[in-house]
Amino acid sequence: MGLISAIFGPGVSGLIGGSHYNILGPAGALVNINSKLVAENGVEIIPYVALLTGLFTLVCWALKLEQYCMLIPLSVLEGFSFGVATTIGFSQLRNAFGLKNLPKHKDFYMNVYESFKNLDKAQSNEYIPFAIFFVILFSLAKFLPGRPWIILIAFCGLIYGFFMDGTANKPTLLKDVYPEMLLRSSLYDFSYYTNDAFVLHTPSLLIGAFEVTFVAVLETLISAKIADN
């Protein structure tokens, strides 16, 4: 779902216009909300949340509700940004340290606790490359700012994974986590659309779509405010 939406989201947005400061495609700020929805209702609820979020966003635009969001104090906006960054960072602990087969909880803080509790099981072939790339990325961003270093680092990571594949110390690759991706090449999949998902989870659907809409609109406004400054 994420890869497909990462293709179609920016594609459609690029065709109909937009802004250099918009996030086109899957956004890290929405991971925690969607993960909790999936844990409680199953993955089939996500397409309906996406559709309903689109409708809610159109309503916000039509009623000009974004002007009320701009009344929020700067401290709250910075706190929101910090919260998003913290959520994204801590949600990557398992991948960074190679922690596998840990129980997943619906609450974000419990997953973070689970990761810290099992740090003694960290895999050196996972966290050493992560640490090296992490230091390089932040060093480049600090001393040579304004360039898309994350793209270069991601490309280097692809090369590293390619050459380490098949060796005794190979890190976990995307194909190891999602082996079904090797068997599928379709850019569309409607198998998650079931009437049961819509009927059985209507309260969760409405609440989840409202939460996603609020975060998406607010994050876009924060990006715009930063761009203005």
Protein backbone atom coordinates (compact mmCIF):
# COMPACT_ATOMS: atom_id res chain seq x y z
CA MET A 1 0.00 0.00 0.00
CA GLY A 2 2.74 2.42 0.96
CA LEU A 3 4.74 1.93 -2.22
CA ILE A 4 1.66 2.17 -4.43
CA SER A 5 0.47 5.36 -2.73
CA ALA A 6 4.03 6.73 -2.95
CA ILE A 7 3.76 6.37 -6.73
CA PHE A 8 0.20 7.56 -7.34
CA GLY A 9 0.11 10.30 -4.68
CA PRO A 10 3.00 12.39 -6.03
CA GLY A 11 2.00 11.52 -9.60
CA VAL A 12 -1.52 12.92 -9.29
CA SER A 13 -0.37 15.87 -7.16
CA GLY A 14 2.32 16.73 -9.69
CA LEU A 15 -0.19 16.76 -12.52
CA ILE A 16 -2.76 18.99 -10.82
CA GLY A 17 -0.28 21.37 -9.16
CA GLY A 18 0.77 21.99 -5.60
CA SER A 19 3.68 23.42 -3.66
CA HIS A 20 7.37 22.64 -3.23
CA TYR A 21 6.71 22.48 0.50
CA ASN A 22 3.94 19.89 0.42
CA ILE A 23 4.61 16.29 1.37
CA LEU A 24 3.44 14.19 -1.56
CA GLY A 25 2.92 10.55 -0.71
CA PRO A 26 3.11 8.67 2.62
CA ALA A 27 4.03 10.99 5.50
CA GLY A 28 5.76 9.93 8.69
CA ALA A 29 3.44 12.01 10.86
CA LEU A 30 0.53 9.70 10.01
CA VAL A 31 2.30 6.41 10.80
CA ASN A 32 1.31 6.28 14.46
CA ILE A 33 -2.37 6.98 13.74
CA ASN A 34 -2.60 4.42 10.94
CA SER A 35 -0.67 1.78 12.90
CA LYS A 36 -3.12 2.06 15.78
CA LEU A 37 -6.08 1.82 13.40
CA VAL A 38 -4.62 -1.31 11.80
CA ALA A 39 -3.93 -2.89 15.20
CA GLU A 40 -7.51 -2.34 16.31
CA ASN A 41 -9.46 -2.91 13.07
CA GLY A 42 -7.23 -4.69 10.55
CA VAL A 43 -5.43 -3.38 7.50
CA GLU A 44 -8.60 -3.33 5.40
CA ILE A 45 -9.76 -0.14 7.15
CA ILE A 46 -6.93 1.98 5.67
CA PRO A 47 -8.36 2.50 2.13
CA TYR A 48 -11.62 3.78 3.62
CA VAL A 49 -9.72 6.09 5.97
CA ALA A 50 -7.83 7.46 2.96
CA LEU A 51 -11.03 8.13 1.00
CA LEU A 52 -12.83 9.73 3.94
CA THR A 53 -9.75 11.82 4.78
CA GLY A 54 -9.81 13.17 1.22
CA LEU A 55 -13.44 14.23 1.66
CA PHE A 56 -12.76 15.84 5.05
CA THR A 57 -9.81 17.74 3.57
CA LEU A 58 -11.99 19.06 0.76
CA VAL A 59 -14.52 20.25 3.36
CA CYS A 60 -11.72 22.06 5.24
CA TRP A 61 -10.68 23.75 2.00
CA ALA A 62 -14.25 24.67 1.00
CA LEU A 63 -15.06 26.18 4.41
CA LYS A 64 -11.65 27.91 4.70
CA LEU A 65 -11.07 26.22 8.06
CA GLU A 66 -7.29 26.48 7.69
CA GLN A 67 -7.41 30.14 8.76
CA TYR A 68 -8.39 29.03 12.27
CA CYS A 69 -5.40 26.69 12.47
CA MET A 70 -3.12 29.67 11.90
CA LEU A 71 -4.34 31.14 15.20
CA ILE A 72 -2.45 28.38 17.02
CA PRO A 73 0.60 29.80 18.91
CA LEU A 74 4.06 29.17 17.46
CA SER A 75 5.03 27.15 20.53
CA VAL A 76 2.25 24.66 19.79
CA LEU A 77 3.32 24.38 16.16
CA GLU A 78 6.93 23.73 17.16
CA GLY A 79 5.75 21.23 19.76
CA PHE A 80 3.72 19.46 17.08
CA SER A 81 6.77 19.29 14.79
CA PHE A 82 8.91 17.97 17.64
CA GLY A 83 6.29 15.34 18.42
CA VAL A 84 6.23 14.20 14.80
CA ALA A 85 10.03 13.99 14.68
CA THR A 86 10.09 12.01 17.94
CA THR A 87 7.45 9.59 16.68
CA ILE A 88 9.27 8.97 13.41
CA GLY A 89 12.64 8.53 15.11
CA PHE A 90 11.54 6.13 17.85
CA SER A 91 9.40 4.11 15.45
CA GLN A 92 12.62 3.23 13.57
CA LEU A 93 14.43 1.77 16.60
CA ARG A 94 13.59 -1.82 15.69
CA ASN A 95 14.95 -1.43 12.18
CA ALA A 96 18.03 0.52 13.30
CA PHE A 97 19.10 -2.11 15.83
CA GLY A 98 17.87 -5.19 13.96
CA LEU A 99 15.36 -6.19 16.63
CA LYS A 100 13.20 -8.97 15.21
CA ASN A 101 10.08 -10.84 16.29
CA LEU A 102 9.16 -8.37 19.03
CA PRO A 103 5.49 -8.17 20.03
CA LYS A 104 3.62 -5.25 18.50
CA HIS A 105 1.32 -3.09 20.59
CA LYS A 106 -1.38 -0.67 19.48
CA ASP A 107 0.10 2.10 21.66
CA PHE A 108 3.23 3.82 20.40
CA TYR A 109 4.92 4.19 23.79
CA MET A 110 4.60 0.46 24.46
CA ASN A 111 6.40 -0.34 21.19
CA VAL A 112 9.19 2.08 22.17
CA TYR A 113 9.44 0.43 25.60
CA GLU A 114 9.59 -2.99 23.94
CA SER A 115 12.47 -1.82 21.73
CA PHE A 116 14.53 -0.44 24.64
CA LYS A 117 13.82 -3.52 26.73
CA ASN A 118 15.33 -5.75 24.02
CA LEU A 119 18.37 -3.67 23.05
CA ASP A 120 20.59 -6.50 24.29
CA LYS A 121 19.38 -8.46 21.23
CA ALA A 122 20.65 -5.83 18.79
CA GLN A 123 22.40 -7.16 15.68
CA SER A 124 25.78 -5.59 14.88
CA ASN A 125 25.27 -6.10 11.12
CA GLU A 126 22.17 -3.91 11.44
CA TYR A 127 23.10 -1.06 13.78
CA ILE A 128 26.72 -0.49 12.64
CA PRO A 129 25.71 0.40 9.03
CA PHE A 130 22.82 2.45 10.45
CA ALA A 131 25.18 4.38 12.74
CA ILE A 132 27.65 5.07 9.92
CA PHE A 133 24.97 6.30 7.50
CA PHE A 134 23.32 8.32 10.30
CA VAL A 135 26.53 10.18 11.17
CA ILE A 136 27.36 10.80 7.50
CA LEU A 137 23.85 12.12 6.75
CA PHE A 138 23.76 14.56 9.65
CA SER A 139 27.31 15.71 9.02
CA LEU A 140 26.51 16.49 5.40
CA ALA A 141 23.27 18.24 6.39
CA LYS A 142 25.13 20.39 8.92
CA PHE A 143 28.25 21.34 6.95
CA LEU A 144 26.80 21.29 3.41
CA PRO A 145 23.12 22.21 3.90
CA GLY A 146 20.53 22.76 1.20
CA ARG A 147 21.20 19.62 -0.78
CA PRO A 148 19.10 16.42 -0.90
CA TRP A 149 21.65 14.25 0.91
CA ILE A 150 18.97 11.79 2.02
CA ILE A 151 18.60 10.63 -1.60
CA LEU A 152 22.35 9.97 -1.86
CA ILE A 153 22.39 8.12 1.46
CA ALA A 154 19.41 5.99 0.43
CA PHE A 155 21.15 5.13 -2.85
CA CYS A 156 24.32 4.15 -0.96
CA GLY A 157 22.16 1.97 1.28
CA LEU A 158 20.74 0.22 -1.79
CA ILE A 159 24.25 -0.49 -3.07
CA TYR A 160 25.32 -1.77 0.34
CA GLY A 161 22.30 -4.09 0.57
CA PHE A 162 22.89 -5.36 -2.97
CA PHE A 163 26.49 -6.39 -2.30
CA MET A 164 25.77 -7.79 1.16
CA ASP A 165 22.86 -9.92 -0.06
CA GLY A 166 23.81 -13.57 0.14
CA THR A 167 26.65 -13.07 2.63
CA ALA A 168 26.72 -14.41 6.16
CA ASN A 169 26.40 -10.94 7.71
CA LYS A 170 23.79 -9.49 5.41
CA PRO A 171 21.38 -7.00 7.00
CA THR A 172 17.61 -7.36 6.80
CA LEU A 173 16.49 -6.28 3.35
CA LEU A 174 13.08 -5.14 2.17
CA LYS A 175 12.50 -8.44 0.39
CA ASP A 176 13.10 -10.28 3.68
CA VAL A 177 10.38 -8.30 5.44
CA TYR A 178 7.92 -8.37 2.51
CA PRO A 179 8.72 -11.49 0.45
CA GLU A 180 5.35 -11.25 -1.31
CA MET A 181 6.63 -8.14 -3.12
CA LEU A 182 8.86 -10.39 -5.22
CA LEU A 183 5.78 -12.17 -6.56
CA ARG A 184 3.69 -9.08 -7.35
CA SER A 185 4.29 -6.25 -9.75
CA SER A 186 0.78 -4.75 -10.00
CA LEU A 187 0.42 -1.02 -9.32
CA TYR A 188 -3.15 -1.39 -8.08
CA ASP A 189 -4.88 -3.69 -5.63
CA PHE A 190 -8.53 -3.43 -4.65
CA SER A 191 -8.60 -6.60 -2.56
CA TYR A 192 -8.70 -4.59 0.70
CA TYR A 193 -12.03 -2.97 -0.19
CA THR A 194 -14.62 -5.01 1.69
CA ASN A 195 -18.08 -3.97 2.84
CA ASP A 196 -17.41 -5.53 6.24
CA ALA A 197 -14.59 -3.08 6.89
CA PHE A 198 -16.87 -0.13 6.27
CA VAL A 199 -19.89 -1.42 8.18
CA LEU A 200 -18.20 -3.01 11.19
CA HIS A 201 -15.69 -0.24 11.92
CA THR A 202 -17.67 2.93 11.18
CA PRO A 203 -16.90 4.70 14.53
CA SER A 204 -13.17 3.94 14.25
CA LEU A 205 -13.29 4.93 10.59
CA LEU A 206 -14.79 8.36 11.30
CA ILE A 207 -12.49 9.09 14.23
CA GLY A 208 -9.40 7.84 12.38
CA ALA A 209 -10.18 9.88 9.26
CA PHE A 210 -10.73 13.00 11.39
CA GLU A 211 -7.37 12.49 13.14
CA VAL A 212 -5.52 11.96 9.86
CA THR A 213 -7.20 15.02 8.33
CA PHE A 214 -6.26 17.22 11.29
CA VAL A 215 -2.61 16.13 11.27
CA ALA A 216 -2.29 16.34 7.47
CA VAL A 217 -3.81 19.83 7.25
CA LEU A 218 -1.88 21.11 10.26
CA GLU A 219 1.42 19.70 9.00
CA THR A 220 0.88 21.31 5.60
CA LEU A 221 0.17 24.68 7.25
CA ILE A 222 3.29 24.35 9.41
CA SER A 223 5.38 23.68 6.30
CA ALA A 224 3.84 26.73 4.64
CA LYS A 225 4.54 28.91 7.68
CA ILE A 226 8.16 27.75 7.77
CA ALA A 227 8.46 28.47 4.04
CA ASP A 228 7.05 31.99 4.55
CA ASN A 229 9.70 32.68 7.17
